[in-house]
Amino acid sequence: MISSNVEDGFDINSLMRPKRVCLCRLVTEKELVDAIQAGAHTIEELRETTRASTGCGTCAQAVNRILQRELENISLRKSQ
């Protein structure tokens, strides 16, 4: 069992700073956003670029939500 008690010598919260979207590959939201802004506009391109969602797959929905959000932001910026 993983303990979140710092007294036990392991602080699970330390894994989340900066916020990790993919714990298997230790990919942060910022790394995903940077990859999208650099041209990774599909889930496959994001996986190839960042390796996010290539482990257990638990983060796949979160990665996809970030991708959709950022693509929408890119589209809005282009239309202005």
C-alpha atoms as a PDB file:
ATOM      1  CA  MET A   1       0.000   0.000   0.000  1.00  0.00           C
ATOM      2  CA  ILE A   2       1.282   3.469  -0.892  1.00  0.00           C
ATOM      3  CA  SER A   3       1.188   5.874   1.993  1.00  0.00           C
ATOM      4  CA  SER A   4       0.765   9.594   1.491  1.00  0.00           C
ATOM      5  CA  ASN A   5       2.195  10.241   4.931  1.00  0.00           C
ATOM      6  CA  VAL A   6       5.486  12.146   4.719  1.00  0.00           C
ATOM      7  CA  GLU A   7       6.567  10.560   8.010  1.00  0.00           C
ATOM      8  CA  ASP A   8       6.659   7.194   6.219  1.00  0.00           C
ATOM      9  CA  GLY A   9       9.308   8.625   3.885  1.00  0.00           C
ATOM     10  CA  PHE A  10       7.112   8.903   0.806  1.00  0.00           C
ATOM     11  CA  ASP A  11       4.939  11.852  -0.142  1.00  0.00           C
ATOM     12  CA  ILE A  12       2.628  10.884  -3.011  1.00  0.00           C
ATOM     13  CA  ASN A  13       1.778  14.559  -3.507  1.00  0.00           C
ATOM     14  CA  SER A  14       5.364  15.181  -4.604  1.00  0.00           C
ATOM     15  CA  LEU A  15       4.566  13.227  -7.769  1.00  0.00           C
ATOM     16  CA  MET A  16       1.964  15.821  -8.675  1.00  0.00           C
ATOM     17  CA  ARG A  17       4.178  18.924  -8.672  1.00  0.00           C
ATOM     18  CA  PRO A  18       4.172  20.049 -11.379  1.00  0.00           C
ATOM     19  CA  LYS A  19       0.823  18.510 -12.177  1.00  0.00           C
ATOM     20  CA  ARG A  20       1.360  15.234 -13.978  1.00  0.00           C
ATOM     21  CA  VAL A  21      -1.308  14.149 -16.417  1.00  0.00           C
ATOM     22  CA  CYS A  22       0.434  10.851 -17.188  1.00  0.00           C
ATOM     23  CA  LEU A  23       2.012   9.224 -14.143  1.00  0.00           C
ATOM     24  CA  CYS A  24       3.450   6.278 -16.077  1.00  0.00           C
ATOM     25  CA  ARG A  25       5.540   8.556 -18.306  1.00  0.00           C
ATOM     26  CA  LEU A  26       5.683  11.557 -15.911  1.00  0.00           C
ATOM     27  CA  VAL A  27       4.210  13.909 -18.527  1.00  0.00           C
ATOM     28  CA  THR A  28       2.959  17.277 -17.298  1.00  0.00           C
ATOM     29  CA  GLU A  29       0.075  19.308 -18.658  1.00  0.00           C
ATOM     30  CA  LYS A  30       2.588  21.972 -19.701  1.00  0.00           C
ATOM     31  CA  GLU A  31       4.514  19.426 -21.769  1.00  0.00           C
ATOM     32  CA  LEU A  32       1.292  18.426 -23.520  1.00  0.00           C
ATOM     33  CA  VAL A  33       0.319  22.040 -24.192  1.00  0.00           C
ATOM     34  CA  ASP A  34       3.813  22.819 -25.498  1.00  0.00           C
ATOM     35  CA  ALA A  35       3.683  19.804 -27.835  1.00  0.00           C
ATOM     36  CA  ILE A  36       0.263  20.835 -29.142  1.00  0.00           C
ATOM     37  CA  GLN A  37       1.441  24.381 -29.755  1.00  0.00           C
ATOM     38  CA  ALA A  38       4.467  22.952 -31.576  1.00  0.00           C
ATOM     39  CA  GLY A  39       2.213  21.038 -33.977  1.00  0.00           C
ATOM     40  CA  ALA A  40       1.107  17.768 -32.345  1.00  0.00           C
ATOM     41  CA  HIS A  41      -2.565  18.031 -33.283  1.00  0.00           C
ATOM     42  CA  THR A  42      -3.701  14.412 -32.962  1.00  0.00           C
ATOM     43  CA  ILE A  43      -3.665  11.988 -30.060  1.00  0.00           C
ATOM     44  CA  GLU A  44      -1.212   9.832 -32.011  1.00  0.00           C
ATOM     45  CA  GLU A  45       1.161  12.774 -32.504  1.00  0.00           C
ATOM     46  CA  LEU A  46       0.920  13.627 -28.806  1.00  0.00           C
ATOM     47  CA  ARG A  47       1.698  10.045 -27.860  1.00  0.00           C
ATOM     48  CA  GLU A  48       4.668   9.983 -30.211  1.00  0.00           C
ATOM     49  CA  THR A  49       5.982  13.356 -29.047  1.00  0.00           C
ATOM     50  CA  THR A  50       5.413  13.089 -25.288  1.00  0.00           C
ATOM     51  CA  ARG A  51       4.785   9.359 -24.689  1.00  0.00           C
ATOM     52  CA  ALA A  52       1.689  10.348 -22.676  1.00  0.00           C
ATOM     53  CA  SER A  53      -1.013   7.680 -22.659  1.00  0.00           C
ATOM     54  CA  THR A  54       1.389   4.964 -23.832  1.00  0.00           C
ATOM     55  CA  GLY A  55       1.606   3.171 -20.489  1.00  0.00           C
ATOM     56  CA  CYS A  56      -1.496   2.001 -18.678  1.00  0.00           C
ATOM     57  CA  GLY A  57      -3.832   4.346 -20.600  1.00  0.00           C
ATOM     58  CA  THR A  58      -5.601   5.714 -17.526  1.00  0.00           C
ATOM     59  CA  CYS A  59      -4.784   9.279 -18.586  1.00  0.00           C
ATOM     60  CA  ALA A  60      -6.123   8.915 -22.152  1.00  0.00           C
ATOM     61  CA  GLN A  61      -9.319  10.874 -21.463  1.00  0.00           C
ATOM     62  CA  ALA A  62      -7.431  13.684 -19.726  1.00  0.00           C
ATOM     63  CA  VAL A  63      -4.894  13.867 -22.553  1.00  0.00           C
ATOM     64  CA  ASN A  64      -7.717  14.006 -25.098  1.00  0.00           C
ATOM     65  CA  ARG A  65      -9.529  16.754 -23.145  1.00  0.00           C
ATOM     66  CA  ILE A  66      -6.340  18.847 -23.048  1.00  0.00           C
ATOM     67  CA  LEU A  67      -5.810  18.273 -26.774  1.00  0.00           C
ATOM     68  CA  GLN A  68      -9.376  19.331 -27.635  1.00  0.00           C
ATOM     69  CA  ARG A  69      -9.172  22.388 -25.368  1.00  0.00           C
ATOM     70  CA  GLU A  70      -5.885  23.532 -26.870  1.00  0.00           C
ATOM     71  CA  LEU A  71      -6.997  22.934 -30.463  1.00  0.00           C
ATOM     72  CA  GLU A  72     -10.075  25.040 -29.746  1.00  0.00           C
ATOM     73  CA  ASN A  73      -7.848  27.778 -28.287  1.00  0.00           C
ATOM     74  CA  ILE A  74      -5.638  27.667 -31.398  1.00  0.00           C
ATOM     75  CA  SER A  75      -8.706  27.920 -33.617  1.00  0.00           C
ATOM     76  CA  LEU A  76     -10.042  30.889 -31.647  1.00  0.00           C
ATOM     77  CA  ARG A  77      -6.707  32.712 -31.874  1.00  0.00           C
ATOM     78  CA  LYS A  78      -6.583  32.166 -35.655  1.00  0.00           C
ATOM     79  CA  SER A  79     -10.096  33.566 -36.109  1.00  0.00           C
ATOM     80  CA  GLN A  80      -9.337  36.796 -34.255  1.00  0.00           C
END
